[in-house]
Each structure stands twice: as C-alpha cells, then as structure tokens.
C-alpha atoms as a PDB file:
ATOM      1  CA  UNK A   1      -9.259 -14.751  -5.549  1.00  0.00           C
ATOM      2  CA  UNK A   2      -7.396 -17.250  -5.906  1.00  0.00           C
ATOM      3  CA  UNK A   3      -3.732 -14.799  -6.367  1.00  0.00           C
ATOM      4  CA  UNK A   4      -5.246 -13.192  -2.601  1.00  0.00           C
ATOM      5  CA  UNK A   5      -5.340 -16.629  -1.262  1.00  0.00           C
ATOM      6  CA  UNK A   6      -1.847 -17.772  -2.629  1.00  0.00           C
ATOM      7  CA  UNK A   7      -0.219 -14.654  -0.728  1.00  0.00           C
ATOM      8  CA  UNK A   8      -2.089 -15.672   2.595  1.00  0.00           C
ATOM      9  CA  UNK A   9      -1.273 -19.693   2.331  1.00  0.00           C
ATOM     10  CA  UNK A  10       2.036 -18.359   1.377  1.00  0.00           C
ATOM     11  CA  UNK A  11       2.665 -15.430   4.094  1.00  0.00           C
ATOM     12  CA  UNK A  12       0.232 -16.225   6.803  1.00  0.00           C
ATOM     13  CA  UNK A  13       0.250 -20.195   6.577  1.00  0.00           C
ATOM     14  CA  UNK A  14      -3.489 -20.131   5.329  1.00  0.00           C
ATOM     15  CA  UNK A  15      -4.980 -17.764   8.408  1.00  0.00           C
ATOM     16  CA  UNK A  16      -6.130 -14.300   6.905  1.00  0.00           C
ATOM     17  CA  UNK A  17      -4.919 -11.897   8.847  1.00  0.00           C
ATOM     18  CA  UNK A  18      -7.766  -9.423   8.309  1.00  0.00           C
ATOM     19  CA  UNK A  19     -10.331 -11.967   8.609  1.00  0.00           C
ATOM     20  CA  UNK A  20     -11.530  -9.943  12.069  1.00  0.00           C
ATOM     21  CA  UNK A  21     -10.153  -6.750  11.565  1.00  0.00           C
ATOM     22  CA  UNK A  22     -12.504  -4.262  13.732  1.00  0.00           C
ATOM     23  CA  UNK A  23     -13.398  -1.540  10.982  1.00  0.00           C
ATOM     24  CA  UNK A  24     -15.574   0.171  13.139  1.00  0.00           C
ATOM     25  CA  UNK A  25     -12.736   1.087  15.573  1.00  0.00           C
ATOM     26  CA  UNK A  26     -11.130   3.114  12.328  1.00  0.00           C
ATOM     27  CA  UNK A  27     -12.207   6.730  11.241  1.00  0.00           C
ATOM     28  CA  UNK A  28     -11.551   6.491   7.301  1.00  0.00           C
ATOM     29  CA  UNK A  29      -9.391   9.325   5.883  1.00  0.00           C
ATOM     30  CA  UNK A  30      -8.085   8.405   2.643  1.00  0.00           C
ATOM     31  CA  UNK A  31      -6.947  11.536   1.386  1.00  0.00           C
ATOM     32  CA  UNK A  32      -3.624  11.950  -0.628  1.00  0.00           C
ATOM     33  CA  UNK A  33      -1.634  13.141  -3.301  1.00  0.00           C
ATOM     34  CA  UNK A  34      -3.022  12.676  -6.600  1.00  0.00           C
ATOM     35  CA  UNK A  35      -4.713   9.699  -5.254  1.00  0.00           C
ATOM     36  CA  UNK A  36      -6.976   9.542  -8.195  1.00  0.00           C
ATOM     37  CA  UNK A  37      -4.370  10.213 -11.058  1.00  0.00           C
ATOM     38  CA  UNK A  38      -5.285   9.037 -14.554  1.00  0.00           C
ATOM     39  CA  UNK A  39      -1.828   6.853 -14.821  1.00  0.00           C
ATOM     40  CA  UNK A  40      -2.648   4.955 -11.904  1.00  0.00           C
ATOM     41  CA  UNK A  41      -5.906   3.431 -14.045  1.00  0.00           C
ATOM     42  CA  UNK A  42      -3.987   3.056 -16.858  1.00  0.00           C
ATOM     43  CA  UNK A  43      -1.186   1.222 -16.068  1.00  0.00           C
ATOM     44  CA  UNK A  44      -3.568  -1.394 -14.580  1.00  0.00           C
ATOM     45  CA  UNK A  45      -5.145  -1.189 -17.959  1.00  0.00           C
ATOM     46  CA  UNK A  46      -1.753  -2.112 -19.738  1.00  0.00           C
ATOM     47  CA  UNK A  47      -0.288  -3.938 -17.483  1.00  0.00           C
ATOM     48  CA  UNK A  48      -3.295  -6.335 -16.041  1.00  0.00           C
ATOM     49  CA  UNK A  49      -1.119  -6.970 -13.603  1.00  0.00           C
ATOM     50  CA  UNK A  50      -2.158  -9.790 -10.686  1.00  0.00           C
ATOM     51  CA  UNK A  51       0.211  -8.052  -7.914  1.00  0.00           C
ATOM     52  CA  UNK A  52       0.249  -4.029  -7.456  1.00  0.00           C
ATOM     53  CA  UNK A  53       2.630  -3.010  -4.795  1.00  0.00           C
ATOM     54  CA  UNK A  54       2.839   0.490  -3.880  1.00  0.00           C
ATOM     55  CA  UNK A  55       5.620   1.689  -1.317  1.00  0.00           C
ATOM     56  CA  UNK A  56       4.983   4.708   0.553  1.00  0.00           C
ATOM     57  CA  UNK A  57       1.883   4.902   1.772  1.00  0.00           C
ATOM     58  CA  UNK A  58       0.099   7.825   3.547  1.00  0.00           C
ATOM     59  CA  UNK A  59      -3.064   7.367   4.227  1.00  0.00           C
ATOM     60  CA  UNK A  60      -4.109   4.594   1.293  1.00  0.00           C
ATOM     61  CA  UNK A  61      -5.997   6.849  -1.223  1.00  0.00           C
ATOM     62  CA  UNK A  62      -3.844   5.377  -4.089  1.00  0.00           C
ATOM     63  CA  UNK A  63      -3.740   2.478  -3.090  1.00  0.00           C
ATOM     64  CA  UNK A  64      -8.097   1.922  -2.491  1.00  0.00           C
ATOM     65  CA  UNK A  65      -8.492   3.453  -6.200  1.00  0.00           C
ATOM     66  CA  UNK A  66      -5.945   0.871  -7.224  1.00  0.00           C
ATOM     67  CA  UNK A  67      -7.638  -1.871  -5.735  1.00  0.00           C
ATOM     68  CA  UNK A  68     -11.091  -0.562  -6.633  1.00  0.00           C
ATOM     69  CA  UNK A  69     -10.283  -0.236 -10.554  1.00  0.00           C
ATOM     70  CA  UNK A  70      -8.825  -3.681 -10.109  1.00  0.00           C
ATOM     71  CA  UNK A  71     -12.178  -4.868  -9.095  1.00  0.00           C
ATOM     72  CA  UNK A  72     -13.730  -2.610 -11.239  1.00  0.00           C
ATOM     73  CA  UNK A  73     -11.878  -4.790 -14.420  1.00  0.00           C
ATOM     74  CA  UNK A  74     -12.590  -8.031 -12.853  1.00  0.00           C
ATOM     75  CA  UNK A  75      -9.270  -9.085 -12.277  1.00  0.00           C
ATOM     76  CA  UNK A  76      -7.928 -11.631 -10.174  1.00  0.00           C
ATOM     77  CA  UNK A  77      -5.332  -9.096  -8.466  1.00  0.00           C
ATOM     78  CA  UNK A  78      -4.046  -7.639  -5.152  1.00  0.00           C
ATOM     79  CA  UNK A  79      -2.377  -4.613  -4.293  1.00  0.00           C
ATOM     80  CA  UNK A  80      -0.091  -4.757  -1.555  1.00  0.00           C
ATOM     81  CA  UNK A  81       0.479  -1.394  -0.250  1.00  0.00           C
ATOM     82  CA  UNK A  82       4.066  -0.682   2.423  1.00  0.00           C
ATOM     83  CA  UNK A  83       4.137   2.098   4.688  1.00  0.00           C
ATOM     84  CA  UNK A  84       7.293   2.864   5.901  1.00  0.00           C
ATOM     85  CA  UNK A  85       7.497   4.934   8.942  1.00  0.00           C
ATOM     86  CA  UNK A  86       5.316   8.362   9.614  1.00  0.00           C
ATOM     87  CA  UNK A  87       5.961   9.502   5.538  1.00  0.00           C
ATOM     88  CA  UNK A  88       8.655  11.894   5.115  1.00  0.00           C
ATOM     89  CA  UNK A  89      11.436  12.734   7.132  1.00  0.00           C
ATOM     90  CA  UNK A  90       9.881  15.913   7.906  1.00  0.00           C
ATOM     91  CA  UNK A  91       6.972  13.956  10.417  1.00  0.00           C
ATOM     92  CA  UNK A  92       9.485  12.297  12.513  1.00  0.00           C
ATOM     93  CA  UNK A  93       9.118  15.296  15.345  1.00  0.00           C
ATOM     94  CA  UNK A  94      12.165  16.940  14.813  1.00  0.00           C
ATOM     95  CA  UNK A  95      14.268  13.777  15.442  1.00  0.00           C
ATOM     96  CA  UNK A  96      15.771  13.252  12.090  1.00  0.00           C
ATOM     97  CA  UNK A  97      16.772   9.252  12.000  1.00  0.00           C
ATOM     98  CA  UNK A  98      19.855  10.806   9.392  1.00  0.00           C
ATOM     99  CA  UNK A  99      21.590  13.043  11.611  1.00  0.00           C
ATOM    100  CA  UNK A 100      23.614  10.212  13.757  1.00  0.00           C
ATOM    101  CA  UNK A 101      24.275   8.229  10.593  1.00  0.00           C
ATOM    102  CA  UNK A 102      27.827   6.814  10.410  1.00  0.00           C
ATOM    103  CA  UNK A 103      30.164   8.283   7.878  1.00  0.00           C
ATOM    104  CA  UNK A 104      30.174   5.012   5.936  1.00  0.00           C
ATOM    105  CA  UNK A 105      26.276   5.982   5.448  1.00  0.00           C
ATOM    106  CA  UNK A 106      26.824   9.553   4.678  1.00  0.00           C
ATOM    107  CA  UNK A 107      28.703   8.795   1.901  1.00  0.00           C
END
C-alpha cells in the first residue's frame, strides 16, 4: 500500500496514528444515507483513483463501502474521510453557529 504509506510519511512523519487504535472500545455503527449507492462504486470503477476524499462523514457507512470496493479491485488507494462537527446545523443542540455571524459573513 504505497499510497497509504506515502500519506502517513508526509502527514505523520512515518508514525501510523492508527497502529494501536483500540477498536474494542468503540461500537460499530455505520448506518448512513445511500451509503452503498451504486454511483459510489461506479465512480471508483471509472476513475480508479489513488485517493478518495469524502467530505461530510456521518457514521462512515459510505467511507467503508468505498474502501471495501477499492480493496476488492486491489487498487493501491486510500479513502480520507473528513467530518465537520456533528453534521447538519440541526445537530448543534439548538446553538446555531450562524446566528451571531457578522454582517459581512451573512452577506
């Protein structure tokens, strides 16, 4: 997995941050919205990427689906999942981050 190791070398000076991840401490819950939609695997089939970046990850269902598809195709590739907070604004427990935005930001 040259691509994965290259990313670890560049971002983490070669020290894999996941090498001792305590999986047993976390319950797996990968539900999601259209996490296994055919367009995800078709896009990978066509593009055959080395890096897939998913922006806006809820519980990782589509992230795992794409990673498993890359593995089935035996591609030297990785999926980078970037989550932003708790997801939708509604998930901020009623504390909307946009209410107090300066006028310049609100437009």
